[in-house]
Amino acid sequence: MKHFGIGLIIRNKTADKFFIQKKDENYPISKWKCSFSFWGWKIENSDKSDKEALIREISEELEPSSFIIKRNWNYINSYEVKSDQNYNFTLYELVLNNKEFNELVNLKVNEGFGVVLDKAYLQDAKWIWGLEKVFHDYISS
C-alpha cells in the first residue's frame, strides 16, 4: 500500500528563518527521535483532499491552529521520497512577515517541539523519513 504525506514549511519573508517541528525522545521509532520534520504528515483515507489532511494534522500539532490554518499556503511540489517506506509527499509553504513569524513562539506544540532554525543548519540536519531531500529541493528552487 502506497503512503501519502503532506507537509507545511513555515518561513519568514527573507527565507533565512524556518519554524520546523523537531521530534522528541518519545517518538515511537527510535532512529527518528530528535529528527526534524515539516508540520503535518500522513494523508488518511478519510481526508477528502490534501489540504483537508494538512488542516487536520496542523490542528493536532499546533494550538491555536487557526493562526496557521486561516492563512494562504503556497503549493510547492509533490515528491517521490525514498526511505524505509517509499511514499509521495506534497509540500506547501507559509510565508509570514517578521511580526507574524515572531508570534509563532506563542503557539503550543502538541507533538515534539517547534524550533526556529536557519537554512544552513537545516541543510545538514537529520530529517525524519528522508525529508532532507524535500528540504534541499525546496531551498534550491
C-alpha atoms as a PDB file:
ATOM      1  CA  MET A   1       0.000   0.000   0.000  1.00  0.00           C
ATOM      2  CA  LYS A   2       1.391   3.365  -1.054  1.00  0.00           C
ATOM      3  CA  HIS A   3       1.592   6.071   1.635  1.00  0.00           C
ATOM      4  CA  PHE A   4       0.921   9.737   1.017  1.00  0.00           C
ATOM      5  CA  GLY A   5       2.293  12.536   3.164  1.00  0.00           C
ATOM      6  CA  ILE A   6       1.556  16.217   3.421  1.00  0.00           C
ATOM      7  CA  GLY A   7       3.621  18.975   4.969  1.00  0.00           C
ATOM      8  CA  LEU A   8       3.867  22.686   5.574  1.00  0.00           C
ATOM      9  CA  ILE A   9       7.085  24.642   5.806  1.00  0.00           C
ATOM     10  CA  ILE A  10       6.777  27.949   7.639  1.00  0.00           C
ATOM     11  CA  ARG A  11       9.338  30.670   6.978  1.00  0.00           C
ATOM     12  CA  ASN A  12       9.875  34.395   7.262  1.00  0.00           C
ATOM     13  CA  LYS A  13       9.784  36.648   4.175  1.00  0.00           C
ATOM     14  CA  THR A  14      13.559  36.716   3.763  1.00  0.00           C
ATOM     15  CA  ALA A  15      13.752  32.901   3.924  1.00  0.00           C
ATOM     16  CA  ASP A  16      16.522  32.987   6.487  1.00  0.00           C
ATOM     17  CA  LYS A  17      14.451  31.552   9.374  1.00  0.00           C
ATOM     18  CA  PHE A  18      12.217  28.484   9.393  1.00  0.00           C
ATOM     19  CA  PHE A  19       9.746  27.261  12.023  1.00  0.00           C
ATOM     20  CA  ILE A  20      10.172  23.480  11.949  1.00  0.00           C
ATOM     21  CA  GLN A  21       8.949  20.557  14.023  1.00  0.00           C
ATOM     22  CA  LYS A  22      11.524  18.576  15.982  1.00  0.00           C
ATOM     23  CA  LYS A  23      10.509  15.130  17.152  1.00  0.00           C
ATOM     24  CA  ASP A  24      11.184  14.427  20.829  1.00  0.00           C
ATOM     25  CA  GLU A  25      12.533  11.443  22.738  1.00  0.00           C
ATOM     26  CA  ASN A  26       9.036   9.909  22.844  1.00  0.00           C
ATOM     27  CA  TYR A  27       8.802   9.475  19.083  1.00  0.00           C
ATOM     28  CA  PRO A  28       7.888   5.790  18.596  1.00  0.00           C
ATOM     29  CA  ILE A  29      10.575   4.981  16.012  1.00  0.00           C
ATOM     30  CA  SER A  30      13.942   5.236  17.734  1.00  0.00           C
ATOM     31  CA  LYS A  31      16.050   6.111  14.685  1.00  0.00           C
ATOM     32  CA  TRP A  32      13.899   9.225  14.052  1.00  0.00           C
ATOM     33  CA  LYS A  33      13.939  10.546  17.625  1.00  0.00           C
ATOM     34  CA  CYS A  34      15.084  14.192  17.726  1.00  0.00           C
ATOM     35  CA  SER A  35      14.867  14.458  13.918  1.00  0.00           C
ATOM     36  CA  PHE A  36      13.300  17.385  12.078  1.00  0.00           C
ATOM     37  CA  SER A  37      10.052  17.389  10.118  1.00  0.00           C
ATOM     38  CA  PHE A  38       7.654  19.677   8.345  1.00  0.00           C
ATOM     39  CA  TRP A  39       4.321  20.345  10.053  1.00  0.00           C
ATOM     40  CA  GLY A  40       1.799  17.726   9.002  1.00  0.00           C
ATOM     41  CA  TRP A  41       2.358  14.145   7.992  1.00  0.00           C
ATOM     42  CA  LYS A  42       0.025  11.429   6.764  1.00  0.00           C
ATOM     43  CA  ILE A  43      -2.952  11.721   4.445  1.00  0.00           C
ATOM     44  CA  GLU A  44      -5.653   9.425   5.825  1.00  0.00           C
ATOM     45  CA  ASN A  45      -8.254   7.621   3.694  1.00  0.00           C
ATOM     46  CA  SER A  46     -10.957   9.751   5.337  1.00  0.00           C
ATOM     47  CA  ASP A  47      -9.341  13.028   4.178  1.00  0.00           C
ATOM     48  CA  LYS A  48     -11.189  14.477   1.187  1.00  0.00           C
ATOM     49  CA  SER A  49      -8.182  16.464  -0.055  1.00  0.00           C
ATOM     50  CA  ASP A  50      -4.530  17.087   0.717  1.00  0.00           C
ATOM     51  CA  LYS A  51      -5.408  20.479   2.231  1.00  0.00           C
ATOM     52  CA  GLU A  52      -8.007  18.846   4.475  1.00  0.00           C
ATOM     53  CA  ALA A  53      -5.328  16.409   5.631  1.00  0.00           C
ATOM     54  CA  LEU A  54      -2.931  19.263   6.346  1.00  0.00           C
ATOM     55  CA  ILE A  55      -5.572  21.193   8.305  1.00  0.00           C
ATOM     56  CA  ARG A  56      -6.285  18.058  10.375  1.00  0.00           C
ATOM     57  CA  GLU A  57      -2.597  17.446  11.024  1.00  0.00           C
ATOM     58  CA  ILE A  58      -1.855  21.064  11.974  1.00  0.00           C
ATOM     59  CA  SER A  59      -4.893  21.087  14.274  1.00  0.00           C
ATOM     60  CA  GLU A  60      -3.391  18.070  16.055  1.00  0.00           C
ATOM     61  CA  GLU A  61       0.105  19.560  16.272  1.00  0.00           C
ATOM     62  CA  LEU A  62      -0.339  23.288  16.995  1.00  0.00           C
ATOM     63  CA  GLU A  63      -2.612  25.410  19.208  1.00  0.00           C
ATOM     64  CA  PRO A  64      -4.210  27.690  18.365  1.00  0.00           C
ATOM     65  CA  SER A  65      -4.168  26.112  14.925  1.00  0.00           C
ATOM     66  CA  SER A  66      -6.267  28.948  13.474  1.00  0.00           C
ATOM     67  CA  PHE A  67      -3.109  31.112  13.419  1.00  0.00           C
ATOM     68  CA  ILE A  68      -1.769  28.793  10.689  1.00  0.00           C
ATOM     69  CA  ILE A  69      -4.933  27.371   9.116  1.00  0.00           C
ATOM     70  CA  LYS A  70      -6.513  30.706   8.202  1.00  0.00           C
ATOM     71  CA  ARG A  71      -3.515  31.769   6.089  1.00  0.00           C
ATOM     72  CA  ASN A  72      -2.884  31.331   2.393  1.00  0.00           C
ATOM     73  CA  TRP A  73      -0.493  28.486   1.693  1.00  0.00           C
ATOM     74  CA  ASN A  74       1.575  28.209  -1.463  1.00  0.00           C
ATOM     75  CA  TYR A  75       1.736  24.822  -3.162  1.00  0.00           C
ATOM     76  CA  ILE A  76       5.418  23.971  -3.675  1.00  0.00           C
ATOM     77  CA  ASN A  77       5.634  20.493  -5.192  1.00  0.00           C
ATOM     78  CA  SER A  78       4.914  16.794  -4.828  1.00  0.00           C
ATOM     79  CA  TYR A  79       7.872  14.492  -4.286  1.00  0.00           C
ATOM     80  CA  GLU A  80       8.583  10.789  -4.503  1.00  0.00           C
ATOM     81  CA  VAL A  81      10.532  10.125  -1.299  1.00  0.00           C
ATOM     82  CA  LYS A  82      12.760   7.093  -0.887  1.00  0.00           C
ATOM     83  CA  SER A  83      13.085   5.960   2.720  1.00  0.00           C
ATOM     84  CA  ASP A  84      12.225   2.920   4.832  1.00  0.00           C
ATOM     85  CA  GLN A  85       8.894   3.120   3.038  1.00  0.00           C
ATOM     86  CA  ASN A  86       8.733   4.897  -0.301  1.00  0.00           C
ATOM     87  CA  TYR A  87       5.926   7.441  -0.371  1.00  0.00           C
ATOM     88  CA  ASN A  88       4.576  10.548  -2.084  1.00  0.00           C
ATOM     89  CA  PHE A  89       4.895  13.800  -0.158  1.00  0.00           C
ATOM     90  CA  THR A  90       3.228  17.121  -1.016  1.00  0.00           C
ATOM     91  CA  LEU A  91       4.751  20.313   0.369  1.00  0.00           C
ATOM     92  CA  TYR A  92       3.049  23.633   0.996  1.00  0.00           C
ATOM     93  CA  GLU A  93       4.676  26.833   2.215  1.00  0.00           C
ATOM     94  CA  LEU A  94       3.513  29.592   4.545  1.00  0.00           C
ATOM     95  CA  VAL A  95       5.445  32.863   4.389  1.00  0.00           C
ATOM     96  CA  LEU A  96       4.988  35.216   7.345  1.00  0.00           C
ATOM     97  CA  ASN A  97       6.212  38.743   7.913  1.00  0.00           C
ATOM     98  CA  ASN A  98       8.644  39.201  10.819  1.00  0.00           C
ATOM     99  CA  LYS A  99       5.943  40.268  13.286  1.00  0.00           C
ATOM    100  CA  GLU A 100       3.793  37.224  12.472  1.00  0.00           C
ATOM    101  CA  PHE A 101       6.814  34.929  12.427  1.00  0.00           C
ATOM    102  CA  ASN A 102       7.840  36.095  15.893  1.00  0.00           C
ATOM    103  CA  GLU A 103       4.338  35.245  17.162  1.00  0.00           C
ATOM    104  CA  LEU A 104       4.954  31.562  16.411  1.00  0.00           C
ATOM    105  CA  VAL A 105       6.645  31.222  19.802  1.00  0.00           C
ATOM    106  CA  ASN A 106       3.186  31.693  21.351  1.00  0.00           C
ATOM    107  CA  LEU A 107       1.839  28.523  19.745  1.00  0.00           C
ATOM    108  CA  LYS A 108       1.564  25.404  21.870  1.00  0.00           C
ATOM    109  CA  VAL A 109       3.202  22.431  20.163  1.00  0.00           C
ATOM    110  CA  ASN A 110       1.455  19.136  20.936  1.00  0.00           C
ATOM    111  CA  GLU A 111       3.893  16.818  19.146  1.00  0.00           C
ATOM    112  CA  GLY A 112       7.609  17.313  19.681  1.00  0.00           C
ATOM    113  CA  PHE A 113       8.925  20.866  19.670  1.00  0.00           C
ATOM    114  CA  GLY A 114       8.633  23.907  17.456  1.00  0.00           C
ATOM    115  CA  VAL A 115      12.055  25.334  16.665  1.00  0.00           C
ATOM    116  CA  VAL A 116      13.259  28.315  14.656  1.00  0.00           C
ATOM    117  CA  LEU A 117      16.374  27.484  12.669  1.00  0.00           C
ATOM    118  CA  ASP A 118      18.279  28.918   9.745  1.00  0.00           C
ATOM    119  CA  LYS A 119      18.747  27.351   6.321  1.00  0.00           C
ATOM    120  CA  ALA A 120      22.411  26.406   6.851  1.00  0.00           C
ATOM    121  CA  TYR A 121      21.610  24.456   9.995  1.00  0.00           C
ATOM    122  CA  LEU A 122      18.676  22.653   8.385  1.00  0.00           C
ATOM    123  CA  GLN A 123      20.695  21.671   5.301  1.00  0.00           C
ATOM    124  CA  ASP A 124      22.912  19.490   7.484  1.00  0.00           C
ATOM    125  CA  ALA A 125      20.243  18.391   9.977  1.00  0.00           C
ATOM    126  CA  LYS A 126      18.797  14.913  10.420  1.00  0.00           C
ATOM    127  CA  TRP A 127      15.290  14.838   8.917  1.00  0.00           C
ATOM    128  CA  ILE A 128      12.637  12.216   9.551  1.00  0.00           C
ATOM    129  CA  TRP A 129      11.689   9.692   6.842  1.00  0.00           C
ATOM    130  CA  GLY A 130      14.033  11.043   4.158  1.00  0.00           C
ATOM    131  CA  LEU A 131      12.577  14.559   4.153  1.00  0.00           C
ATOM    132  CA  GLU A 132      16.040  16.124   3.833  1.00  0.00           C
ATOM    133  CA  LYS A 133      15.685  15.600   0.076  1.00  0.00           C
ATOM    134  CA  VAL A 134      12.461  17.601   0.078  1.00  0.00           C
ATOM    135  CA  PHE A 135      14.059  20.403   2.097  1.00  0.00           C
ATOM    136  CA  HIS A 136      17.100  20.520  -0.214  1.00  0.00           C
ATOM    137  CA  ASP A 137      14.878  20.640  -3.301  1.00  0.00           C
ATOM    138  CA  TYR A 138      12.763  23.352  -1.701  1.00  0.00           C
ATOM    139  CA  ILE A 139      15.655  25.672  -0.879  1.00  0.00           C
ATOM    140  CA  SER A 140      17.253  25.057  -4.304  1.00  0.00           C
ATOM    141  CA  SER A 141      14.194  26.223  -6.215  1.00  0.00           C
END
